[in-house]
């Protein structure tokens, strides 16, 4: 396993939360990921069995979950591509077949949620714990704590308290399933065609079904806004995700989207840098979403 990672990496990147190094292998690529130097918690244990219906490629879309293999503090993922769906969307926009990997992502998340959470998986996903700490004034990184105070001022007390209430409701929902915990577009590795590998294992937790789905929707909504994209181009991506999952978020989709975007703002501030101008831009957008 380690022999394929001895060559010079194709690329490497990271933040204080997570670092990634990508190498070629004899059969494709290997992604090595590990917790960054400022990560508040380690990666979740990697010994959870996942359903074959999710981890084996399906002929209809070629999308599968790929669990990481624990090697020391790292996770190794054998995949078919070297770039993520997030990278592709940021660089190219909505061009080429990006609906297929999102349909497949919805499908494998549904397969994962159909599994009973093992006794070793009892806590909410790590990201939601970071968000809960931030919204309740217990952020561990000082610049994130100060950014939270400023965001509260710009949003206003009512909207800030609304975010806190929505976050609390998710944590209190006792109908939790086995959740991916962080199915971001940066963890959807795309190959030369529409096939994709969804990295899984680092954030496994128990959460209601809409947690994972809302995470992806939040990222798509944020990318559409950030890139000044059109509703006509981006809405089909969300609809493809819902078709794959077999269910949508209903009229309250903005709640999970707002919470995911707030978490991204926290993580960027805590583990990359604090940018007052970006904070103000995000505060305006979050205010709009919260009020929908």
Protein backbone atom coordinates (compact mmCIF):
# COMPACT_ATOMS: atom_id res chain seq x y z
CA UNK A 1 0.00 0.00 0.00
CA UNK A 2 2.70 2.50 0.90
CA UNK A 3 4.87 1.79 -2.16
CA UNK A 4 2.53 3.70 -4.43
CA UNK A 5 2.96 6.86 -2.34
CA UNK A 6 6.77 7.09 -2.46
CA UNK A 7 6.95 9.09 -5.72
CA UNK A 8 6.65 12.85 -5.78
CA UNK A 9 3.03 13.85 -5.19
CA UNK A 10 0.93 15.17 -8.05
CA UNK A 11 -0.42 17.85 -5.76
CA UNK A 12 -0.84 18.64 -2.10
CA UNK A 13 -2.98 21.14 -0.27
CA UNK A 14 -4.48 21.69 3.12
CA UNK A 15 -5.66 23.88 5.95
CA UNK A 16 -5.29 23.77 9.70
CA UNK A 17 -8.22 21.33 9.68
CA UNK A 18 -7.27 18.82 6.97
CA UNK A 19 -4.28 18.11 4.72
CA UNK A 20 -4.31 16.13 1.47
CA UNK A 21 -1.54 14.65 -0.68
CA UNK A 22 -2.35 12.95 -4.01
CA UNK A 23 -0.11 10.37 -5.73
CA UNK A 24 -0.43 8.19 -8.80
CA UNK A 25 -0.77 4.46 -8.30
CA UNK A 26 -0.62 1.43 -10.57
CA UNK A 27 -4.42 1.40 -10.85
CA UNK A 28 -5.28 5.09 -10.54
CA UNK A 29 -4.57 7.48 -7.71
CA UNK A 30 -4.09 7.46 -3.95
CA UNK A 31 -5.32 10.30 -1.78
CA UNK A 32 -3.64 10.56 1.61
CA UNK A 33 -5.54 12.70 4.09
CA UNK A 34 -4.93 13.47 7.73
CA UNK A 35 -6.11 15.92 10.34
CA UNK A 36 -4.44 19.32 10.11
CA UNK A 37 -2.36 20.82 12.91
CA UNK A 38 -5.28 22.85 14.30
CA UNK A 39 -7.95 20.16 14.02
CA UNK A 40 -9.87 20.05 17.33
CA UNK A 41 -10.48 16.30 17.10
CA UNK A 42 -8.83 13.38 15.26
CA UNK A 43 -10.40 11.61 12.31
CA UNK A 44 -13.14 9.18 13.30
CA UNK A 45 -12.17 5.47 13.52
CA UNK A 46 -11.98 3.68 10.16
CA UNK A 47 -13.19 0.22 11.18
CA UNK A 48 -16.88 0.61 10.28
CA UNK A 49 -18.27 -1.78 7.67
CA UNK A 50 -20.20 -0.08 4.88
CA UNK A 51 -22.89 -1.57 2.63
CA UNK A 52 -21.83 -3.24 -0.62
CA UNK A 53 -24.62 -1.40 -2.43
CA UNK A 54 -22.76 1.82 -1.69
CA UNK A 55 -19.12 0.79 -1.94
CA UNK A 56 -19.40 -1.20 -5.18
CA UNK A 57 -19.80 0.73 -8.43
CA UNK A 58 -23.29 0.69 -9.87
CA UNK A 59 -23.69 0.44 -13.63
CA UNK A 60 -26.29 3.21 -13.65
CA UNK A 61 -23.88 5.96 -12.61
CA UNK A 62 -20.51 4.51 -11.58
CA UNK A 63 -20.48 6.35 -8.24
CA UNK A 64 -19.36 4.55 -5.09
CA UNK A 65 -18.32 5.19 -1.52
CA UNK A 66 -14.61 4.57 -0.90
CA UNK A 67 -13.69 3.99 2.76
CA UNK A 68 -10.25 5.12 3.84
CA UNK A 69 -7.60 2.73 5.10
CA UNK A 70 -6.01 3.86 8.35
CA UNK A 71 -2.20 4.12 8.10
CA UNK A 72 -0.88 5.78 11.23
CA UNK A 73 -2.65 9.13 11.56
CA UNK A 74 -3.46 9.17 7.84
CA UNK A 75 -6.21 7.73 5.66
CA UNK A 76 -5.41 6.29 2.24
CA UNK A 77 -8.07 6.21 -0.47
CA UNK A 78 -7.60 4.29 -3.74
CA UNK A 79 -9.63 6.22 -6.30
CA UNK A 80 -10.01 6.79 -10.03
CA UNK A 81 -9.34 10.53 -10.19
CA UNK A 82 -7.05 13.28 -9.01
CA UNK A 83 -9.46 16.21 -8.66
CA UNK A 84 -12.61 16.80 -6.70
CA UNK A 85 -16.02 17.83 -7.94
CA UNK A 86 -15.58 21.07 -5.98
CA UNK A 87 -12.39 21.86 -7.89
CA UNK A 88 -14.06 21.11 -11.20
CA UNK A 89 -17.09 23.28 -10.46
CA UNK A 90 -14.98 26.19 -9.20
CA UNK A 91 -12.75 26.05 -12.26
CA UNK A 92 -15.20 25.19 -15.04
CA UNK A 93 -18.62 26.03 -13.65
CA UNK A 94 -21.57 23.88 -14.63
CA UNK A 95 -20.04 22.35 -17.75
CA UNK A 96 -19.83 18.72 -18.77
CA UNK A 97 -21.68 15.97 -16.95
CA UNK A 98 -21.79 17.07 -13.32
CA UNK A 99 -25.34 15.89 -12.72
CA UNK A 100 -24.37 12.20 -12.85
CA UNK A 101 -21.93 12.31 -9.91
CA UNK A 102 -24.48 14.28 -7.88
CA UNK A 103 -27.20 11.75 -8.69
CA UNK A 104 -24.81 8.98 -7.64
CA UNK A 105 -23.89 10.85 -4.47
CA UNK A 106 -27.56 10.99 -3.50
CA UNK A 107 -27.90 7.28 -4.21
CA UNK A 108 -24.95 6.16 -2.09
CA UNK A 109 -25.97 8.44 0.76
CA UNK A 110 -29.40 6.78 0.75
CA UNK A 111 -27.72 3.35 0.85
CA UNK A 112 -25.54 4.47 3.75
CA UNK A 113 -28.48 5.85 5.69
CA UNK A 114 -30.31 2.54 5.34
CA UNK A 115 -27.66 0.91 7.54
CA UNK A 116 -27.92 0.63 11.29
CA UNK A 117 -25.25 2.70 12.96
CA UNK A 118 -22.77 0.37 14.71
CA UNK A 119 -22.30 0.68 18.45
CA UNK A 120 -18.92 2.35 17.88
CA UNK A 121 -20.61 5.31 16.12
CA UNK A 122 -22.57 7.26 18.72
CA UNK A 123 -21.72 10.95 18.34
CA UNK A 124 -22.91 13.59 15.87
CA UNK A 125 -20.52 14.33 12.99
CA UNK A 126 -17.42 16.32 13.90
CA UNK A 127 -18.44 19.32 11.80
CA UNK A 128 -21.73 19.75 13.60
CA UNK A 129 -19.93 19.74 16.95
CA UNK A 130 -17.65 22.54 15.70
CA UNK A 131 -20.68 24.54 14.57
CA UNK A 132 -22.48 23.98 17.87
CA UNK A 133 -19.44 25.20 19.80
CA UNK A 134 -19.16 28.30 17.61
CA UNK A 135 -22.83 29.27 17.79
CA UNK A 136 -22.86 28.76 21.57
CA UNK A 137 -19.78 30.95 22.11
CA UNK A 138 -17.34 28.10 22.78
CA UNK A 139 -15.14 28.24 19.66
CA UNK A 140 -11.66 26.85 20.32
CA UNK A 141 -9.73 29.09 17.90
CA UNK A 142 -9.57 32.75 19.06
CA UNK A 143 -9.97 34.30 15.59
CA UNK A 144 -13.05 32.16 14.99
CA UNK A 145 -14.48 33.24 18.34
CA UNK A 146 -14.00 36.92 17.49
CA UNK A 147 -15.45 36.34 14.02
CA UNK A 148 -18.50 34.79 15.66
CA UNK A 149 -19.02 37.92 17.75
CA UNK A 150 -18.79 40.07 14.62
CA UNK A 151 -21.10 37.81 12.62
CA UNK A 152 -23.66 37.96 15.41
CA UNK A 153 -23.49 41.75 15.32
CA UNK A 154 -23.96 41.88 11.54
CA UNK A 155 -26.72 39.28 11.40
CA UNK A 156 -28.52 40.66 14.41
CA UNK A 157 -29.56 38.78 17.53
CA UNK A 158 -32.74 37.34 15.99
CA UNK A 159 -31.01 35.71 13.04
CA UNK A 160 -28.10 34.48 15.16
CA UNK A 161 -30.50 32.90 17.64
CA UNK A 162 -32.39 31.34 14.73
CA UNK A 163 -29.18 29.65 13.54
CA UNK A 164 -28.56 28.37 17.06
CA UNK A 165 -32.11 27.03 17.31
CA UNK A 166 -31.81 25.22 13.96
CA UNK A 167 -28.49 23.71 14.98
CA UNK A 168 -29.91 22.56 18.31
CA UNK A 169 -32.85 20.90 16.56
CA UNK A 170 -30.54 18.81 14.40
CA UNK A 171 -28.50 17.72 17.42
CA UNK A 172 -31.67 16.86 19.35
CA UNK A 173 -33.25 14.83 16.54
CA UNK A 174 -33.13 11.30 17.94
CA UNK A 175 -33.99 9.60 14.64
CA UNK A 176 -30.36 9.57 13.65
CA UNK A 177 -29.01 7.21 11.02
CA UNK A 178 -25.46 6.31 10.11
CA UNK A 179 -24.38 9.56 8.45
CA UNK A 180 -21.41 10.30 6.22
CA UNK A 181 -20.89 13.40 8.34
CA UNK A 182 -19.12 15.54 5.76
CA UNK A 183 -20.13 14.62 2.20
CA UNK A 184 -18.67 17.79 0.75
CA UNK A 185 -17.96 18.26 -2.94
CA UNK A 186 -14.27 18.28 -2.01
CA UNK A 187 -14.64 14.62 -1.04
CA UNK A 188 -16.28 13.61 -4.31
CA UNK A 189 -13.36 12.54 -6.53
CA UNK A 190 -14.18 12.62 -10.23
CA UNK A 191 -12.40 10.70 -12.96
CA UNK A 192 -12.12 11.25 -16.68
CA UNK A 193 -15.85 10.62 -17.13
CA UNK A 194 -18.83 11.06 -14.82
CA UNK A 195 -17.77 8.21 -12.50
CA UNK A 196 -16.90 9.37 -9.00
CA UNK A 197 -15.54 8.06 -5.72
CA UNK A 198 -16.94 9.51 -2.50
CA UNK A 199 -14.36 9.49 0.30
CA UNK A 200 -15.94 8.34 3.54
CA UNK A 201 -15.00 7.46 7.11
CA UNK A 202 -13.36 10.53 8.64
CA UNK A 203 -16.59 12.11 9.89
CA UNK A 204 -18.98 9.19 10.36
CA UNK A 205 -21.59 9.91 12.99
CA UNK A 206 -25.24 9.65 13.85
CA UNK A 207 -27.53 12.30 12.39
CA UNK A 208 -30.99 12.60 10.86
CA UNK A 209 -31.27 11.73 7.17
CA UNK A 210 -31.45 15.36 6.08
CA UNK A 211 -28.06 16.19 7.60
CA UNK A 212 -25.94 14.77 4.76
CA UNK A 213 -28.36 15.91 2.09
CA UNK A 214 -28.44 19.42 3.52
CA UNK A 215 -24.64 19.51 3.65
CA UNK A 216 -24.42 18.97 -0.11
CA UNK A 217 -27.26 21.40 -0.86
CA UNK A 218 -25.56 24.05 1.25
CA UNK A 219 -22.33 23.69 -0.72
CA UNK A 220 -24.14 23.87 -4.07
CA UNK A 221 -26.08 26.95 -2.97
CA UNK A 222 -22.87 28.56 -1.76
CA UNK A 223 -20.98 27.79 -4.98
CA UNK A 224 -23.82 29.16 -7.10
CA UNK A 225 -23.81 32.39 -5.07
CA UNK A 226 -20.03 32.68 -4.87
CA UNK A 227 -19.60 32.18 -8.63
CA UNK A 228 -22.55 34.43 -9.47
CA UNK A 229 -24.11 31.49 -11.31
CA UNK A 230 -27.62 31.32 -12.70
CA UNK A 231 -30.49 29.41 -11.12
CA UNK A 232 -31.13 27.78 -14.49
CA UNK A 233 -27.63 26.24 -14.50
CA UNK A 234 -27.33 25.23 -10.85
CA UNK A 235 -30.82 24.05 -9.88
CA UNK A 236 -30.55 20.85 -11.99
CA UNK A 237 -27.56 19.81 -9.85
CA UNK A 238 -29.65 19.97 -6.69
CA UNK A 239 -32.49 18.15 -8.41
CA UNK A 240 -30.08 15.39 -9.55
CA UNK A 241 -28.96 14.94 -5.93
CA UNK A 242 -32.57 14.68 -4.77
CA UNK A 243 -33.44 12.18 -7.53
CA UNK A 244 -30.55 9.97 -6.52
CA UNK A 245 -31.56 10.10 -2.88
CA UNK A 246 -35.25 9.66 -3.63
CA UNK A 247 -36.31 12.51 -1.39
CA UNK A 248 -35.84 16.27 -1.12
CA UNK A 249 -35.52 18.70 1.78
CA UNK A 250 -38.89 20.34 1.31
CA UNK A 251 -39.70 23.98 1.97
CA UNK A 252 -37.20 24.27 4.83
CA UNK A 253 -34.15 23.54 2.68
CA UNK A 254 -32.74 26.95 3.59
CA UNK A 255 -32.20 25.86 7.20
CA UNK A 256 -29.65 23.17 6.42
CA UNK A 257 -28.08 25.31 3.69
CA UNK A 258 -27.64 28.21 6.11
CA UNK A 259 -26.08 25.98 8.76
CA UNK A 260 -23.65 24.38 6.30
CA UNK A 261 -22.56 27.78 4.98
CA UNK A 262 -22.13 29.07 8.54
CA UNK A 263 -19.92 26.08 9.32
CA UNK A 264 -17.83 26.77 6.21
CA UNK A 265 -17.38 30.37 7.34
CA UNK A 266 -16.26 29.13 10.77
CA UNK A 267 -13.82 26.61 9.32
CA UNK A 268 -12.29 29.07 6.89
CA UNK A 269 -11.84 31.64 9.65
CA UNK A 270 -10.51 29.14 12.18
CA UNK A 271 -8.22 27.08 9.95
CA UNK A 272 -7.22 29.38 7.06
CA UNK A 273 -7.49 33.09 7.84
CA UNK A 274 -9.87 35.76 9.02
CA UNK A 275 -11.05 38.04 6.23
CA UNK A 276 -13.34 40.87 7.43
CA UNK A 277 -14.60 41.67 3.92
CA UNK A 278 -15.54 38.05 3.26
CA UNK A 279 -17.22 37.83 6.64
CA UNK A 280 -19.44 40.78 5.72
CA UNK A 281 -20.29 39.22 2.33
CA UNK A 282 -21.22 35.95 4.00
CA UNK A 283 -23.23 37.74 6.68
CA UNK A 284 -25.33 39.42 3.98
CA UNK A 285 -25.91 36.12 2.19
CA UNK A 286 -26.69 34.22 5.38
CA UNK A 287 -29.15 36.92 6.38
CA UNK A 288 -30.93 36.47 3.05
CA UNK A 289 -31.07 32.66 3.43
CA UNK A 290 -32.25 32.75 7.03
CA UNK A 291 -35.11 35.08 6.15
CA UNK A 292 -36.46 32.96 3.28
